[in-house]
């Protein structure tokens, strides 16, 4: 999958591929609009946007730094994902929006 994204976005060896996040709910994959709020560290750059999830899959650009904090909002639920640069590109990151505790952290 990462090789496909590199070809799709024509990434050079120095470029970093986007992060793939698969958002799950108790009834299946998230479908439709997902609100994202990202903070890249150590720069502290933040960005907020809405994207469309298809089979729960969201693409998040990695805009530098060594750590990313991401808040995902879907259907009045939120989840938090925190990743280091080393852990971010091992396939799609699974994030669950459960009934009880709607947060997920991976550090």
PDB file of N, CA and C in Angstrom:
ATOM      1  N   UNK A   1       0.821  -1.193   0.000  1.00  0.00           N
ATOM      2  CA  UNK A   1       0.000   0.000   0.000  1.00  0.00           C
ATOM      3  C   UNK A   1       0.861   1.252   0.000  1.00  0.00           C
ATOM      4  N   UNK A   2       1.945   1.252   0.797  1.00  0.00           N
ATOM      5  CA  UNK A   2       2.805   2.430   0.862  1.00  0.00           C
ATOM      6  C   UNK A   2       3.482   2.663  -0.483  1.00  0.00           C
ATOM      7  N   UNK A   3       3.894   1.574  -1.161  1.00  0.00           N
ATOM      8  CA  UNK A   3       4.521   1.720  -2.481  1.00  0.00           C
ATOM      9  C   UNK A   3       3.546   2.351  -3.466  1.00  0.00           C
ATOM     10  N   UNK A   4       2.280   1.946  -3.392  1.00  0.00           N
ATOM     11  CA  UNK A   4       1.259   2.531  -4.257  1.00  0.00           C
ATOM     12  C   UNK A   4       1.115   4.031  -3.994  1.00  0.00           C
ATOM     13  N   UNK A   5       1.085   4.423  -2.723  1.00  0.00           N
ATOM     14  CA  UNK A   5       0.964   5.843  -2.384  1.00  0.00           C
ATOM     15  C   UNK A   5       2.179   6.637  -2.849  1.00  0.00           C
ATOM     16  N   UNK A   6       3.358   6.046  -2.745  1.00  0.00           N
ATOM     17  CA  UNK A   6       4.554   6.739  -3.220  1.00  0.00           C
ATOM     18  C   UNK A   6       4.458   7.012  -4.713  1.00  0.00           C
ATOM     19  N   UNK A   7       3.989   6.016  -5.472  1.00  0.00           N
ATOM     20  CA  UNK A   7       3.818   6.226  -6.916  1.00  0.00           C
ATOM     21  C   UNK A   7       2.724   7.245  -7.183  1.00  0.00           C
ATOM     22  N   UNK A   8       1.620   7.148  -6.461  1.00  0.00           N
ATOM     23  CA  UNK A   8       0.489   8.045  -6.663  1.00  0.00           C
ATOM     24  C   UNK A   8       0.863   9.495  -6.401  1.00  0.00           C
ATOM     25  N   UNK A   9       1.580   9.754  -5.335  1.00  0.00           N
ATOM     26  CA  UNK A   9       1.945  11.123  -4.977  1.00  0.00           C
ATOM     27  C   UNK A   9       3.333  11.512  -5.492  1.00  0.00           C
ATOM     28  N   UNK A  10       3.970  10.616  -6.278  1.00  0.00           N
ATOM     29  CA  UNK A  10       5.289  10.867  -6.857  1.00  0.00           C
ATOM     30  C   UNK A  10       6.288  11.334  -5.805  1.00  0.00           C
ATOM     31  N   UNK A  11       6.374  10.588  -4.744  1.00  0.00           N
ATOM     32  CA  UNK A  11       7.244  10.962  -3.636  1.00  0.00           C
ATOM     33  C   UNK A  11       8.695  10.660  -3.956  1.00  0.00           C
ATOM     34  N   UNK A  12       9.560  11.577  -3.622  1.00  0.00           N
ATOM     35  CA  UNK A  12      10.988  11.364  -3.760  1.00  0.00           C
ATOM     36  C   UNK A  12      11.469  10.586  -2.542  1.00  0.00           C
ATOM     37  N   UNK A  13      12.678  10.036  -2.571  1.00  0.00           N
ATOM     38  CA  UNK A  13      13.167   9.288  -1.400  1.00  0.00           C
ATOM     39  C   UNK A  13      13.180  10.123  -0.122  1.00  0.00           C
ATOM     40  N   UNK A  14      13.341  11.458  -0.225  1.00  0.00           N
ATOM     41  CA  UNK A  14      13.370  12.300   0.962  1.00  0.00           C
ATOM     42  C   UNK A  14      11.962  12.630   1.465  1.00  0.00           C
ATOM     43  N   UNK A  15      10.971  12.490   0.603  1.00  0.00           N
ATOM     44  CA  UNK A  15       9.610  12.833   0.990  1.00  0.00           C
ATOM     45  C   UNK A  15       9.028  11.748   1.906  1.00  0.00           C
ATOM     46  N   UNK A  16       8.060  12.135   2.705  1.00  0.00           N
ATOM     47  CA  UNK A  16       7.419  11.222   3.647  1.00  0.00           C
ATOM     48  C   UNK A  16       6.010  10.923   3.139  1.00  0.00           C
ATOM     49  N   UNK A  17       5.621   9.646   3.073  1.00  0.00           N
ATOM     50  CA  UNK A  17       4.271   9.321   2.605  1.00  0.00           C
ATOM     51  C   UNK A  17       3.221   9.784   3.613  1.00  0.00           C
ATOM     52  N   UNK A  18       1.978   9.929   3.172  1.00  0.00           N
ATOM     53  CA  UNK A  18       0.920  10.306   4.111  1.00  0.00           C
ATOM     54  C   UNK A  18       0.601   9.163   5.067  1.00  0.00           C
ATOM     55  N   UNK A  19       0.035   9.517   6.192  1.00  0.00           N
ATOM     56  CA  UNK A  19      -0.398   8.564   7.201  1.00  0.00           C
ATOM     57  C   UNK A  19      -1.780   8.037   6.810  1.00  0.00           C
ATOM     58  N   UNK A  20      -1.982   6.734   6.934  1.00  0.00           N
ATOM     59  CA  UNK A  20      -3.282   6.131   6.672  1.00  0.00           C
ATOM     60  C   UNK A  20      -3.930   5.763   7.999  1.00  0.00           C
ATOM     61  N   UNK A  21      -5.165   6.210   8.190  1.00  0.00           N
ATOM     62  CA  UNK A  21      -5.914   5.932   9.413  1.00  0.00           C
ATOM     63  C   UNK A  21      -7.222   5.266   9.015  1.00  0.00           C
ATOM     64  N   UNK A  22      -7.520   4.111   9.624  1.00  0.00           N
ATOM     65  CA  UNK A  22      -8.795   3.437   9.375  1.00  0.00           C
ATOM     66  C   UNK A  22      -9.646   3.604  10.626  1.00  0.00           C
ATOM     67  N   UNK A  23     -10.750   4.308  10.478  1.00  0.00           N
ATOM     68  CA  UNK A  23     -11.637   4.649  11.584  1.00  0.00           C
ATOM     69  C   UNK A  23     -12.780   3.642  11.656  1.00  0.00           C
ATOM     70  N   UNK A  24     -12.893   2.979  12.818  1.00  0.00           N
ATOM     71  CA  UNK A  24     -13.925   1.957  13.025  1.00  0.00           C
ATOM     72  C   UNK A  24     -14.919   2.406  14.094  1.00  0.00           C
ATOM     73  N   UNK A  25     -16.148   1.946  13.931  1.00  0.00           N
ATOM     74  CA  UNK A  25     -17.210   2.181  14.902  1.00  0.00           C
ATOM     75  C   UNK A  25     -17.723   0.813  15.371  1.00  0.00           C
ATOM     76  N   UNK A  26     -18.570   0.777  16.387  1.00  0.00           N
ATOM     77  CA  UNK A  26     -19.113  -0.518  16.826  1.00  0.00           C
ATOM     78  C   UNK A  26     -19.904  -1.239  15.733  1.00  0.00           C
ATOM     79  N   UNK A  27     -20.374  -0.513  14.719  1.00  0.00           N
ATOM     80  CA  UNK A  27     -21.173  -1.132  13.655  1.00  0.00           C
ATOM     81  C   UNK A  27     -20.394  -1.345  12.360  1.00  0.00           C
ATOM     82  N   UNK A  28     -19.114  -0.996  12.325  1.00  0.00           N
ATOM     83  CA  UNK A  28     -18.316  -1.193  11.102  1.00  0.00           C
ATOM     84  C   UNK A  28     -17.372  -0.027  10.868  1.00  0.00           C
ATOM     85  N   UNK A  29     -17.073   0.214   9.607  1.00  0.00           N
ATOM     86  CA  UNK A  29     -16.180   1.307   9.244  1.00  0.00           C
ATOM     87  C   UNK A  29     -16.926   2.627   9.180  1.00  0.00           C
ATOM     88  N   UNK A  30     -16.233   3.717   9.496  1.00  0.00           N
ATOM     89  CA  UNK A  30     -16.811   5.055   9.331  1.00  0.00           C
ATOM     90  C   UNK A  30     -16.960   5.333   7.835  1.00  0.00           C
ATOM     91  N   UNK A  31     -18.069   5.908   7.458  1.00  0.00           N
ATOM     92  CA  UNK A  31     -18.329   6.293   6.068  1.00  0.00           C
ATOM     93  C   UNK A  31     -18.820   7.728   6.066  1.00  0.00           C
ATOM     94  N   UNK A  32     -18.237   8.556   5.221  1.00  0.00           N
ATOM     95  CA  UNK A  32     -18.690   9.936   5.117  1.00  0.00           C
ATOM     96  C   UNK A  32     -17.722  10.901   5.771  1.00  0.00           C
ATOM     97  N   UNK A  33     -18.244  12.076   6.159  1.00  0.00           N
ATOM     98  CA  UNK A  33     -17.362  13.143   6.648  1.00  0.00           C
ATOM     99  C   UNK A  33     -16.729  12.831   8.006  1.00  0.00           C
ATOM    100  N   UNK A  34     -15.430  13.103   8.086  1.00  0.00           N
ATOM    101  CA  UNK A  34     -14.655  12.948   9.313  1.00  0.00           C
ATOM    102  C   UNK A  34     -13.918  14.257   9.546  1.00  0.00           C
ATOM    103  N   UNK A  35     -14.045  14.808  10.745  1.00  0.00           N
ATOM    104  CA  UNK A  35     -13.319  16.030  11.095  1.00  0.00           C
ATOM    105  C   UNK A  35     -11.979  15.644  11.696  1.00  0.00           C
ATOM    106  N   UNK A  36     -10.920  16.293  11.234  1.00  0.00           N
ATOM    107  CA  UNK A  36      -9.575  16.008  11.722  1.00  0.00           C
ATOM    108  C   UNK A  36      -8.938  17.276  12.253  1.00  0.00           C
ATOM    109  N   UNK A  37      -8.254  17.138  13.374  1.00  0.00           N
ATOM    110  CA  UNK A  37      -7.461  18.219  13.944  1.00  0.00           C
ATOM    111  C   UNK A  37      -6.083  17.626  14.241  1.00  0.00           C
ATOM    112  N   UNK A  38      -5.066  18.124  13.536  1.00  0.00           N
ATOM    113  CA  UNK A  38      -3.722  17.567  13.650  1.00  0.00           C
ATOM    114  C   UNK A  38      -2.760  18.596  14.214  1.00  0.00           C
ATOM    115  N   UNK A  39      -1.833  18.120  15.045  1.00  0.00           N
ATOM    116  CA  UNK A  39      -0.743  18.939  15.567  1.00  0.00           C
ATOM    117  C   UNK A  39       0.545  18.166  15.378  1.00  0.00           C
ATOM    118  N   UNK A  40       1.480  18.760  14.628  1.00  0.00           N
ATOM    119  CA  UNK A  40       2.779  18.148  14.381  1.00  0.00           C
ATOM    120  C   UNK A  40       3.775  18.734  15.362  1.00  0.00           C
ATOM    121  N   UNK A  41       4.622  17.852  15.931  1.00  0.00           N
ATOM    122  CA  UNK A  41       5.603  18.288  16.927  1.00  0.00           C
ATOM    123  C   UNK A  41       7.006  17.978  16.439  1.00  0.00           C
ATOM    124  N   UNK A  42       7.965  18.761  16.733  1.00  0.00           N
ATOM    125  CA  UNK A  42       8.015  19.821  17.739  1.00  0.00           C
ATOM    126  C   UNK A  42       7.583  21.196  17.230  1.00  0.00           C
ATOM    127  N   UNK A  43       7.244  21.324  15.934  1.00  0.00           N
ATOM    128  CA  UNK A  43       6.929  22.652  15.391  1.00  0.00           C
ATOM    129  C   UNK A  43       5.663  23.253  15.993  1.00  0.00           C
ATOM    130  N   UNK A  44       4.703  22.417  16.399  1.00  0.00           N
ATOM    131  CA  UNK A  44       3.442  22.919  16.933  1.00  0.00           C
ATOM    132  C   UNK A  44       2.466  23.347  15.852  1.00  0.00           C
ATOM    133  N   UNK A  45       2.776  23.086  14.585  1.00  0.00           N
ATOM    134  CA  UNK A  45       1.844  23.401  13.494  1.00  0.00           C
ATOM    135  C   UNK A  45       0.542  22.649  13.720  1.00  0.00           C
ATOM    136  N   UNK A  46      -0.558  23.357  13.544  1.00  0.00           N
ATOM    137  CA  UNK A  46      -1.859  22.705  13.664  1.00  0.00           C
ATOM    138  C   UNK A  46      -2.666  22.947  12.401  1.00  0.00           C
ATOM    139  N   UNK A  47      -3.560  22.031  12.132  1.00  0.00           N
ATOM    140  CA  UNK A  47      -4.429  22.143  10.977  1.00  0.00           C
ATOM    141  C   UNK A  47      -5.731  21.417  11.296  1.00  0.00           C
ATOM    142  N   UNK A  48      -6.826  21.991  10.836  1.00  0.00           N
ATOM    143  CA  UNK A  48      -8.147  21.388  11.015  1.00  0.00           C
ATOM    144  C   UNK A  48      -8.828  21.325   9.656  1.00  0.00           C
ATOM    145  N   UNK A  49      -9.410  20.181   9.327  1.00  0.00           N
ATOM    146  CA  UNK A  49     -10.103  20.030   8.060  1.00  0.00           C
ATOM    147  C   UNK A  49     -11.095  18.883   8.147  1.00  0.00           C
ATOM    148  N   UNK A  50     -11.933  18.792   7.140  1.00  0.00           N
ATOM    149  CA  UNK A  50     -12.898  17.701   7.023  1.00  0.00           C
ATOM    150  C   UNK A  50     -12.556  16.909   5.777  1.00  0.00           C
ATOM    151  N   UNK A  51     -12.571  15.591   5.915  1.00  0.00           N
ATOM    152  CA  UNK A  51     -12.316  14.711   4.785  1.00  0.00           C
ATOM    153  C   UNK A  51     -13.424  13.677   4.708  1.00  0.00           C
ATOM    154  N   UNK A  52     -13.481  12.957   3.613  1.00  0.00           N
ATOM    155  CA  UNK A  52     -14.469  11.900   3.436  1.00  0.00           C
ATOM    156  C   UNK A  52     -13.793  10.555   3.656  1.00  0.00           C
ATOM    157  N   UNK A  53     -14.329   9.756   4.557  1.00  0.00           N
ATOM    158  CA  UNK A  53     -13.803   8.416   4.802  1.00  0.00           C
ATOM    159  C   UNK A  53     -14.508   7.439   3.877  1.00  0.00           C
ATOM    160  N   UNK A  54     -13.732   6.579   3.258  1.00  0.00           N
ATOM    161  CA  UNK A  54     -14.269   5.504   2.433  1.00  0.00           C
ATOM    162  C   UNK A  54     -13.803   4.204   3.063  1.00  0.00           C
ATOM    163  N   UNK A  55     -14.740   3.353   3.472  1.00  0.00           N
ATOM    164  CA  UNK A  55     -14.448   2.133   4.212  1.00  0.00           C
ATOM    165  C   UNK A  55     -13.565   2.446   5.417  1.00  0.00           C
ATOM    166  N   UNK A  56     -13.811   3.592   6.033  1.00  0.00           N
ATOM    167  CA  UNK A  56     -13.103   3.998   7.232  1.00  0.00           C
ATOM    168  C   UNK A  56     -11.734   4.608   6.993  1.00  0.00           C
ATOM    169  N   UNK A  57     -11.259   4.640   5.755  1.00  0.00           N
ATOM    170  CA  UNK A  57      -9.899   5.079   5.471  1.00  0.00           C
ATOM    171  C   UNK A  57      -9.815   6.590   5.282  1.00  0.00           C
ATOM    172  N   UNK A  58      -8.889   7.209   6.039  1.00  0.00           N
ATOM    173  CA  UNK A  58      -8.598   8.641   5.926  1.00  0.00           C
ATOM    174  C   UNK A  58      -7.107   8.788   5.635  1.00  0.00           C
ATOM    175  N   UNK A  59      -6.753   9.759   4.809  1.00  0.00           N
ATOM    176  CA  UNK A  59      -5.355  10.028   4.490  1.00  0.00           C
ATOM    177  C   UNK A  59      -4.965  11.338   5.146  1.00  0.00           C
ATOM    178  N   UNK A  60      -3.875  11.299   5.928  1.00  0.00           N
ATOM    179  CA  UNK A  60      -3.406  12.466   6.677  1.00  0.00           C
ATOM    180  C   UNK A  60      -1.982  12.774   6.230  1.00  0.00           C
ATOM    181  N   UNK A  61      -1.706  13.979   5.738  1.00  0.00           N
ATOM    182  CA  UNK A  61      -0.334  14.303   5.338  1.00  0.00           C
ATOM    183  C   UNK A  61       0.580  14.394   6.552  1.00  0.00           C
ATOM    184  N   UNK A  62       1.819  13.937   6.387  1.00  0.00           N
ATOM    185  CA  UNK A  62       2.815  14.081   7.454  1.00  0.00           C
ATOM    186  C   UNK A  62       3.613  15.331   7.112  1.00  0.00           C
ATOM    187  N   UNK A  63       3.432  16.384   7.879  1.00  0.00           N
ATOM    188  CA  UNK A  63       4.029  17.679   7.556  1.00  0.00           C
ATOM    189  C   UNK A  63       5.275  17.975   8.377  1.00  0.00           C
ATOM    190  N   UNK A  64       6.108  16.988   8.524  1.00  0.00           N
ATOM    191  CA  UNK A  64       7.365  17.180   9.224  1.00  0.00           C
ATOM    192  C   UNK A  64       7.262  16.885  10.703  1.00  0.00           C
ATOM    193  N   UNK A  65       8.403  16.965  11.348  1.00  0.00           N
ATOM    194  CA  UNK A  65       8.459  16.700  12.774  1.00  0.00           C
ATOM    195  C   UNK A  65       8.607  15.223  13.072  1.00  0.00           C
ATOM    196  N   UNK A  66       8.652  14.917  14.350  1.00  0.00           N
ATOM    197  CA  UNK A  66       8.852  13.528  14.755  1.00  0.00           C
ATOM    198  C   UNK A  66       7.661  12.939  15.497  1.00  0.00           C
ATOM    199  N   UNK A  67       6.588  13.720  15.649  1.00  0.00           N
ATOM    200  CA  UNK A  67       5.409  13.226  16.376  1.00  0.00           C
ATOM    201  C   UNK A  67       4.164  13.931  15.856  1.00  0.00           C
ATOM    202  N   UNK A  68       3.051  13.215  15.855  1.00  0.00           N
ATOM    203  CA  UNK A  68       1.769  13.764  15.407  1.00  0.00           C
ATOM    204  C   UNK A  68       0.701  13.423  16.435  1.00  0.00           C
ATOM    205  N   UNK A  69      -0.080  14.424  16.807  1.00  0.00           N
ATOM    206  CA  UNK A  69      -1.270  14.215  17.627  1.00  0.00           C
ATOM    207  C   UNK A  69      -2.463  14.512  16.737  1.00  0.00           C
ATOM    208  N   UNK A  70      -3.385  13.573  16.678  1.00  0.00           N
ATOM    209  CA  UNK A  70      -4.518  13.669  15.773  1.00  0.00           C
ATOM    210  C   UNK A  70      -5.806  13.420  16.543  1.00  0.00           C
ATOM    211  N   UNK A  71      -6.787  14.305  16.361  1.00  0.00           N
ATOM    212  CA  UNK A  71      -8.127  14.113  16.927  1.00  0.00           C
ATOM    213  C   UNK A  71      -9.067  13.910  15.752  1.00  0.00           C
ATOM    214  N   UNK A  72      -9.794  12.794  15.762  1.00  0.00           N
ATOM    215  CA  UNK A  72     -10.721  12.456  14.698  1.00  0.00           C
ATOM    216  C   UNK A  72     -12.140  12.524  15.239  1.00  0.00           C
ATOM    217  N   UNK A  73     -13.017  13.208  14.548  1.00  0.00           N
ATOM    218  CA  UNK A  73     -14.406  13.313  14.967  1.00  0.00           C
ATOM    219  C   UNK A  73     -15.328  12.727  13.915  1.00  0.00           C
ATOM    220  N   UNK A  74     -16.225  11.846  14.359  1.00  0.00           N
ATOM    221  CA  UNK A  74     -17.167  11.207  13.441  1.00  0.00           C
ATOM    222  C   UNK A  74     -18.457  10.916  14.202  1.00  0.00           C
ATOM    223  N   UNK A  75     -19.566  11.371  13.663  1.00  0.00           N
ATOM    224  CA  UNK A  75     -20.893  11.071  14.219  1.00  0.00           C
ATOM    225  C   UNK A  75     -20.956  11.347  15.721  1.00  0.00           C
ATOM    226  N   UNK A  76     -20.579  12.519  16.131  1.00  0.00           N
ATOM    227  CA  UNK A  76     -20.601  13.011  17.519  1.00  0.00           C
ATOM    228  C   UNK A  76     -19.682  12.246  18.467  1.00  0.00           C
ATOM    229  N   UNK A  77     -18.776  11.458  17.938  1.00  0.00           N
ATOM    230  CA  UNK A  77     -17.767  10.770  18.752  1.00  0.00           C
ATOM    231  C   UNK A  77     -16.393  11.263  18.336  1.00  0.00           C
ATOM    232  N   UNK A  78     -15.445  11.182  19.257  1.00  0.00           N
ATOM    233  CA  UNK A  78     -14.081  11.592  18.959  1.00  0.00           C
ATOM    234  C   UNK A  78     -13.100  10.526  19.416  1.00  0.00           C
ATOM    235  N   UNK A  79     -11.986  10.477  18.725  1.00  0.00           N
ATOM    236  CA  UNK A  79     -10.888   9.591  19.100  1.00  0.00           C
ATOM    237  C   UNK A  79      -9.597  10.377  18.963  1.00  0.00           C
ATOM    238  N   UNK A  80      -8.631  10.021  19.780  1.00  0.00           N
ATOM    239  CA  UNK A  80      -7.327  10.689  19.760  1.00  0.00           C
ATOM    240  C   UNK A  80      -6.272   9.647  19.399  1.00  0.00           C
ATOM    241  N   UNK A  81      -5.373  10.036  18.505  1.00  0.00           N
ATOM    242  CA  UNK A  81      -4.289   9.174  18.082  1.00  0.00           C
ATOM    243  C   UNK A  81      -2.998   9.964  18.178  1.00  0.00           C
ATOM    244  N   UNK A  82      -2.005   9.414  18.840  1.00  0.00           N
ATOM    245  CA  UNK A  82      -0.697  10.046  18.947  1.00  0.00           C
ATOM    246  C   UNK A  82       0.345   9.057  18.458  1.00  0.00           C
ATOM    247  N   UNK A  83       1.153   9.477  17.488  1.00  0.00           N
ATOM    248  CA  UNK A  83       2.131   8.590  16.872  1.00  0.00           C
ATOM    249  C   UNK A  83       3.490   9.256  16.761  1.00  0.00           C
ATOM    250  N   UNK A  84       4.528   8.451  16.909  1.00  0.00           N
ATOM    251  CA  UNK A  84       5.870   8.922  16.598  1.00  0.00           C
ATOM    252  C   UNK A  84       6.104   8.668  15.110  1.00  0.00           C
ATOM    253  N   UNK A  85       7.070   9.345  14.542  1.00  0.00           N
ATOM    254  CA  UNK A  85       7.380   9.196  13.126  1.00  0.00           C
ATOM    255  C   UNK A  85       7.744   7.749  12.792  1.00  0.00           C
ATOM    256  N   UNK A  86       8.462   7.071  13.676  1.00  0.00           N
ATOM    257  CA  UNK A  86       8.890   5.700  13.424  1.00  0.00           C
ATOM    258  C   UNK A  86       7.717   4.729  13.335  1.00  0.00           C
ATOM    259  N   UNK A  87       6.645   4.974  14.075  1.00  0.00           N
ATOM    260  CA  UNK A  87       5.500   4.068  14.118  1.00  0.00           C
ATOM    261  C   UNK A  87       4.403   4.398  13.111  1.00  0.00           C
ATOM    262  N   UNK A  88       4.512   5.528  12.451  1.00  0.00           N
ATOM    263  CA  UNK A  88       3.394   6.043  11.662  1.00  0.00           C
ATOM    264  C   UNK A  88       3.155   5.321  10.346  1.00  0.00           C
ATOM    265  N   UNK A  89       4.133   4.629   9.802  1.00  0.00           N
ATOM    266  CA  UNK A  89       3.989   4.127   8.439  1.00  0.00           C
ATOM    267  C   UNK A  89       4.017   2.608   8.341  1.00  0.00           C
ATOM    268  N   UNK A  90       3.564   1.939   9.372  1.00  0.00           N
ATOM    269  CA  UNK A  90       3.450   0.483   9.367  1.00  0.00           C
ATOM    270  C   UNK A  90       2.048   0.070   8.940  1.00  0.00           C
ATOM    271  N   UNK A  91       1.610   0.491   7.773  1.00  0.00           N
ATOM    272  CA  UNK A  91       0.259   0.216   7.304  1.00  0.00           C
ATOM    273  C   UNK A  91      -0.737   1.184   7.918  1.00  0.00           C
ATOM    274  N   UNK A  92      -2.002   0.916   7.715  1.00  0.00           N
ATOM    275  CA  UNK A  92      -3.053   1.799   8.234  1.00  0.00           C
ATOM    276  C   UNK A  92      -3.151   1.663   9.753  1.00  0.00           C
ATOM    277  N   UNK A  93      -3.277   2.785  10.436  1.00  0.00           N
ATOM    278  CA  UNK A  93      -3.448   2.812  11.890  1.00  0.00           C
ATOM    279  C   UNK A  93      -4.939   2.639  12.195  1.00  0.00           C
ATOM    280  N   UNK A  94      -5.286   1.621  12.973  1.00  0.00           N
ATOM    281  CA  UNK A  94      -6.681   1.360  13.344  1.00  0.00           C
ATOM    282  C   UNK A  94      -7.072   2.232  14.529  1.00  0.00           C
ATOM    283  N   UNK A  95      -8.182   2.949  14.390  1.00  0.00           N
ATOM    284  CA  UNK A  95      -8.700   3.788  15.468  1.00  0.00           C
ATOM    285  C   UNK A  95     -10.154   3.393  15.682  1.00  0.00           C
ATOM    286  N   UNK A  96     -10.494   3.058  16.927  1.00  0.00           N
ATOM    287  CA  UNK A  96     -11.849   2.621  17.275  1.00  0.00           C
ATOM    288  C   UNK A  96     -12.609   3.734  17.978  1.00  0.00           C
ATOM    289  N   UNK A  97     -13.837   3.947  17.563  1.00  0.00           N
ATOM    290  CA  UNK A  97     -14.770   4.834  18.260  1.00  0.00           C
ATOM    291  C   UNK A  97     -15.782   3.933  18.950  1.00  0.00           C
ATOM    292  N   UNK A  98     -15.537   3.616  20.204  1.00  0.00           N
ATOM    293  CA  UNK A  98     -16.415   2.706  20.934  1.00  0.00           C
ATOM    294  C   UNK A  98     -17.521   3.441  21.665  1.00  0.00           C
ATOM    295  N   UNK A  99     -18.358   2.684  22.314  1.00  0.00           N
ATOM    296  CA  UNK A  99     -19.463   3.254  23.088  1.00  0.00           C
ATOM    297  C   UNK A  99     -18.983   3.855  24.399  1.00  0.00           C
ATOM    298  N   UNK A 100     -17.994   3.249  25.012  1.00  0.00           N
ATOM    299  CA  UNK A 100     -17.570   3.664  26.345  1.00  0.00           C
ATOM    300  C   UNK A 100     -16.466   4.707  26.293  1.00  0.00           C
ATOM    301  N   UNK A 101     -15.299   4.322  25.835  1.00  0.00           N
ATOM    302  CA  UNK A 101     -14.117   5.195  25.865  1.00  0.00           C
ATOM    303  C   UNK A 101     -13.638   5.447  24.434  1.00  0.00           C
ATOM    304  N   UNK A 102     -13.993   6.575  23.815  1.00  0.00           N
ATOM    305  CA  UNK A 102     -13.703   6.809  22.406  1.00  0.00           C
ATOM    306  C   UNK A 102     -12.307   7.358  22.142  1.00  0.00           C
ATOM    307  N   UNK A 103     -11.288   6.828  22.792  1.00  0.00           N
ATOM    308  CA  UNK A 103      -9.939   7.315  22.519  1.00  0.00           C
ATOM    309  C   UNK A 103      -9.007   6.150  22.273  1.00  0.00           C
ATOM    310  N   UNK A 104      -7.993   6.398  21.495  1.00  0.00           N
ATOM    311  CA  UNK A 104      -6.971   5.408  21.180  1.00  0.00           C
ATOM    312  C   UNK A 104      -5.649   6.154  21.142  1.00  0.00           C
ATOM    313  N   UNK A 105      -4.645   5.604  21.798  1.00  0.00           N
ATOM    314  CA  UNK A 105      -3.330   6.223  21.737  1.00  0.00           C
ATOM    315  C   UNK A 105      -2.304   5.178  21.419  1.00  0.00           C
ATOM    316  N   UNK A 106      -1.379   5.524  20.573  1.00  0.00           N
ATOM    317  CA  UNK A 106      -0.274   4.646  20.229  1.00  0.00           C
ATOM    318  C   UNK A 106       0.994   5.474  20.261  1.00  0.00           C
ATOM    319  N   UNK A 107       1.848   5.229  21.238  1.00  0.00           N
ATOM    320  CA  UNK A 107       3.106   5.979  21.339  1.00  0.00           C
ATOM    321  C   UNK A 107       4.289   5.059  21.324  1.00  0.00           C
TER     322      UNK A 107
END
